[in-house]
């Protein structure tokens, strides 16, 4: 199911991802949901969203920080 706002994301995501990364995650998840018309495994949609986040962010300890340059 698509996420209308960052506040609707799962709490563990909101806890570790900065606001901008949450925006990226939500947009990628919602786009994948729309492209697949809600069919298929939701875990795949989450992997797609994480992939989008990992293009611009990296994990540093227990937090996600922007990649440099």
N, C-alpha and C. Protein backbone atom coordinates (compact mmCIF):
# COMPACT_ATOMS: atom_id res chain seq x y z
N UNK A 1 0.85 -1.17 0.00
CA UNK A 1 0.00 0.00 0.00
C UNK A 1 0.90 1.24 0.00
N UNK A 2 0.60 2.22 -0.85
CA UNK A 2 1.43 3.43 -0.91
C UNK A 2 1.38 4.23 0.40
N UNK A 3 2.40 5.03 0.59
CA UNK A 3 2.50 5.87 1.79
C UNK A 3 2.18 7.32 1.41
N UNK A 4 1.09 7.89 1.95
CA UNK A 4 0.72 9.26 1.61
C UNK A 4 1.70 10.32 2.16
N UNK A 5 2.34 10.01 3.29
CA UNK A 5 3.29 10.98 3.88
C UNK A 5 4.38 10.22 4.62
N UNK A 6 5.44 10.91 4.96
CA UNK A 6 6.53 10.28 5.70
C UNK A 6 6.05 9.77 7.06
N UNK A 7 5.08 10.42 7.63
CA UNK A 7 4.54 10.00 8.93
C UNK A 7 3.90 8.62 8.84
N UNK A 8 3.55 8.18 7.63
CA UNK A 8 2.93 6.88 7.44
C UNK A 8 3.94 5.76 7.22
N UNK A 9 5.22 6.11 7.04
CA UNK A 9 6.26 5.10 6.89
C UNK A 9 6.39 4.30 8.18
N UNK A 10 6.88 3.07 8.09
CA UNK A 10 7.09 2.29 9.32
C UNK A 10 8.02 3.03 10.29
N UNK A 11 7.73 2.92 11.55
CA UNK A 11 8.48 3.64 12.58
C UNK A 11 9.99 3.38 12.53
N UNK A 12 10.43 2.13 12.31
CA UNK A 12 11.89 1.92 12.24
C UNK A 12 12.57 2.74 11.13
N UNK A 13 11.89 2.93 10.01
CA UNK A 13 12.44 3.75 8.93
C UNK A 13 12.52 5.21 9.36
N UNK A 14 11.46 5.71 9.96
CA UNK A 14 11.45 7.12 10.40
C UNK A 14 12.52 7.37 11.44
N UNK A 15 12.81 6.36 12.25
CA UNK A 15 13.80 6.51 13.32
C UNK A 15 15.22 6.62 12.76
N UNK A 16 15.55 5.87 11.73
CA UNK A 16 16.94 5.83 11.26
C UNK A 16 17.22 6.69 10.03
N UNK A 17 16.21 6.99 9.23
CA UNK A 17 16.43 7.78 8.01
C UNK A 17 16.17 9.25 8.24
N UNK A 18 17.06 10.13 7.76
CA UNK A 18 16.77 11.56 7.81
C UNK A 18 15.56 11.88 6.91
N UNK A 19 15.00 13.03 7.12
CA UNK A 19 13.78 13.43 6.40
C UNK A 19 13.92 13.30 4.89
N UNK A 20 15.04 13.79 4.34
CA UNK A 20 15.23 13.72 2.88
C UNK A 20 15.29 12.28 2.40
N UNK A 21 15.96 11.41 3.14
CA UNK A 21 16.02 10.00 2.78
C UNK A 21 14.63 9.35 2.87
N UNK A 22 13.83 9.79 3.83
CA UNK A 22 12.46 9.30 3.92
C UNK A 22 11.67 9.71 2.68
N UNK A 23 11.88 10.94 2.22
CA UNK A 23 11.21 11.41 1.00
C UNK A 23 11.57 10.51 -0.18
N UNK A 24 12.87 10.19 -0.29
CA UNK A 24 13.35 9.33 -1.38
C UNK A 24 12.72 7.95 -1.28
N UNK A 25 12.76 7.38 -0.09
CA UNK A 25 12.20 6.05 0.14
C UNK A 25 10.72 6.01 -0.24
N UNK A 26 9.98 6.98 0.27
CA UNK A 26 8.52 7.01 0.03
C UNK A 26 8.21 7.18 -1.46
N UNK A 27 8.94 8.08 -2.13
CA UNK A 27 8.71 8.31 -3.56
C UNK A 27 9.02 7.06 -4.37
N UNK A 28 10.13 6.40 -4.07
CA UNK A 28 10.51 5.19 -4.80
C UNK A 28 9.51 4.06 -4.55
N UNK A 29 9.11 3.89 -3.30
CA UNK A 29 8.14 2.85 -2.97
C UNK A 29 6.82 3.11 -3.69
N UNK A 30 6.33 4.34 -3.60
CA UNK A 30 5.05 4.67 -4.22
C UNK A 30 5.09 4.51 -5.74
N UNK A 31 6.22 4.89 -6.36
CA UNK A 31 6.37 4.75 -7.81
C UNK A 31 6.37 3.27 -8.19
N UNK A 32 7.11 2.46 -7.45
CA UNK A 32 7.14 1.02 -7.73
C UNK A 32 5.74 0.42 -7.55
N UNK A 33 5.04 0.86 -6.53
CA UNK A 33 3.67 0.39 -6.28
C UNK A 33 2.78 0.73 -7.48
N UNK A 34 2.90 1.97 -7.93
CA UNK A 34 2.08 2.43 -9.06
C UNK A 34 2.44 1.66 -10.33
N UNK A 35 3.74 1.49 -10.59
CA UNK A 35 4.18 0.79 -11.80
C UNK A 35 3.70 -0.65 -11.81
N UNK A 36 3.64 -1.26 -10.65
CA UNK A 36 3.22 -2.66 -10.55
C UNK A 36 1.74 -2.78 -10.24
N UNK A 37 1.07 -1.65 -10.15
CA UNK A 37 -0.37 -1.61 -9.90
C UNK A 37 -0.77 -2.40 -8.65
N UNK A 38 0.12 -2.34 -7.63
CA UNK A 38 -0.18 -2.99 -6.37
C UNK A 38 -0.08 -4.50 -6.40
N UNK A 39 0.42 -5.06 -7.51
CA UNK A 39 0.54 -6.52 -7.61
C UNK A 39 1.93 -6.96 -7.16
N UNK A 40 2.01 -8.18 -6.71
CA UNK A 40 3.31 -8.74 -6.38
C UNK A 40 3.65 -8.61 -4.91
N UNK A 41 4.86 -8.98 -4.62
CA UNK A 41 5.36 -9.03 -3.26
C UNK A 41 5.77 -7.65 -2.77
N UNK A 42 5.20 -7.22 -1.66
CA UNK A 42 5.53 -5.91 -1.11
C UNK A 42 6.99 -5.82 -0.70
N UNK A 43 7.61 -6.94 -0.37
CA UNK A 43 9.04 -6.94 -0.01
C UNK A 43 9.89 -6.44 -1.18
N UNK A 44 9.47 -6.74 -2.40
CA UNK A 44 10.20 -6.26 -3.58
C UNK A 44 10.13 -4.73 -3.64
N UNK A 45 8.99 -4.18 -3.32
CA UNK A 45 8.82 -2.72 -3.34
C UNK A 45 9.73 -2.07 -2.31
N UNK A 46 9.85 -2.69 -1.15
CA UNK A 46 10.74 -2.15 -0.11
C UNK A 46 12.20 -2.24 -0.55
N UNK A 47 12.57 -3.31 -1.24
CA UNK A 47 13.96 -3.41 -1.75
C UNK A 47 14.24 -2.33 -2.78
N UNK A 48 13.28 -2.05 -3.63
CA UNK A 48 13.43 -0.98 -4.62
C UNK A 48 13.62 0.35 -3.90
N UNK A 49 12.82 0.61 -2.89
CA UNK A 49 12.91 1.87 -2.15
C UNK A 49 14.26 1.99 -1.44
N UNK A 50 14.73 0.89 -0.82
CA UNK A 50 16.04 0.93 -0.16
C UNK A 50 17.14 1.20 -1.18
N UNK A 51 17.02 0.62 -2.37
CA UNK A 51 18.00 0.86 -3.41
C UNK A 51 18.10 2.32 -3.78
N UNK A 52 16.96 2.99 -3.84
CA UNK A 52 16.94 4.42 -4.14
C UNK A 52 17.64 5.22 -3.04
N UNK A 53 17.39 4.87 -1.80
CA UNK A 53 18.04 5.55 -0.67
C UNK A 53 19.55 5.34 -0.73
N UNK A 54 19.97 4.12 -1.01
CA UNK A 54 21.39 3.78 -1.00
C UNK A 54 22.18 4.46 -2.10
N UNK A 55 21.52 5.00 -3.10
CA UNK A 55 22.23 5.75 -4.14
C UNK A 55 22.78 7.07 -3.59
N UNK A 56 22.08 7.64 -2.61
CA UNK A 56 22.46 8.95 -2.09
C UNK A 56 22.90 8.94 -0.62
N UNK A 57 22.63 7.86 0.07
CA UNK A 57 22.95 7.77 1.50
C UNK A 57 23.73 6.50 1.79
N UNK A 58 24.49 6.54 2.87
CA UNK A 58 25.19 5.35 3.34
C UNK A 58 24.97 5.23 4.84
N UNK A 59 25.10 4.01 5.32
CA UNK A 59 24.90 3.78 6.74
C UNK A 59 26.19 4.10 7.49
N UNK A 60 26.06 4.88 8.54
CA UNK A 60 27.18 5.26 9.40
C UNK A 60 26.75 4.94 10.82
N UNK A 61 27.25 3.83 11.33
CA UNK A 61 26.78 3.37 12.64
C UNK A 61 25.34 2.91 12.52
N UNK A 62 24.47 3.50 13.30
CA UNK A 62 23.05 3.14 13.24
C UNK A 62 22.22 4.20 12.50
N UNK A 63 22.90 5.15 11.86
CA UNK A 63 22.21 6.24 11.14
C UNK A 63 22.56 6.20 9.66
N UNK A 64 21.78 6.86 8.85
CA UNK A 64 22.04 7.01 7.42
C UNK A 64 22.46 8.45 7.17
N UNK A 65 23.58 8.63 6.46
CA UNK A 65 24.11 9.96 6.21
C UNK A 65 24.30 10.12 4.70
N UNK A 66 24.22 11.38 4.21
CA UNK A 66 24.41 11.60 2.76
C UNK A 66 25.82 11.20 2.33
N UNK A 67 25.90 10.63 1.12
CA UNK A 67 27.20 10.34 0.53
C UNK A 67 27.81 11.65 0.07
N UNK A 68 29.10 11.76 0.14
CA UNK A 68 29.79 12.97 -0.32
C UNK A 68 30.11 12.84 -1.80
N UNK A 69 29.92 13.99 -2.51
CA UNK A 69 30.30 14.12 -3.90
C UNK A 69 29.99 12.97 -4.72
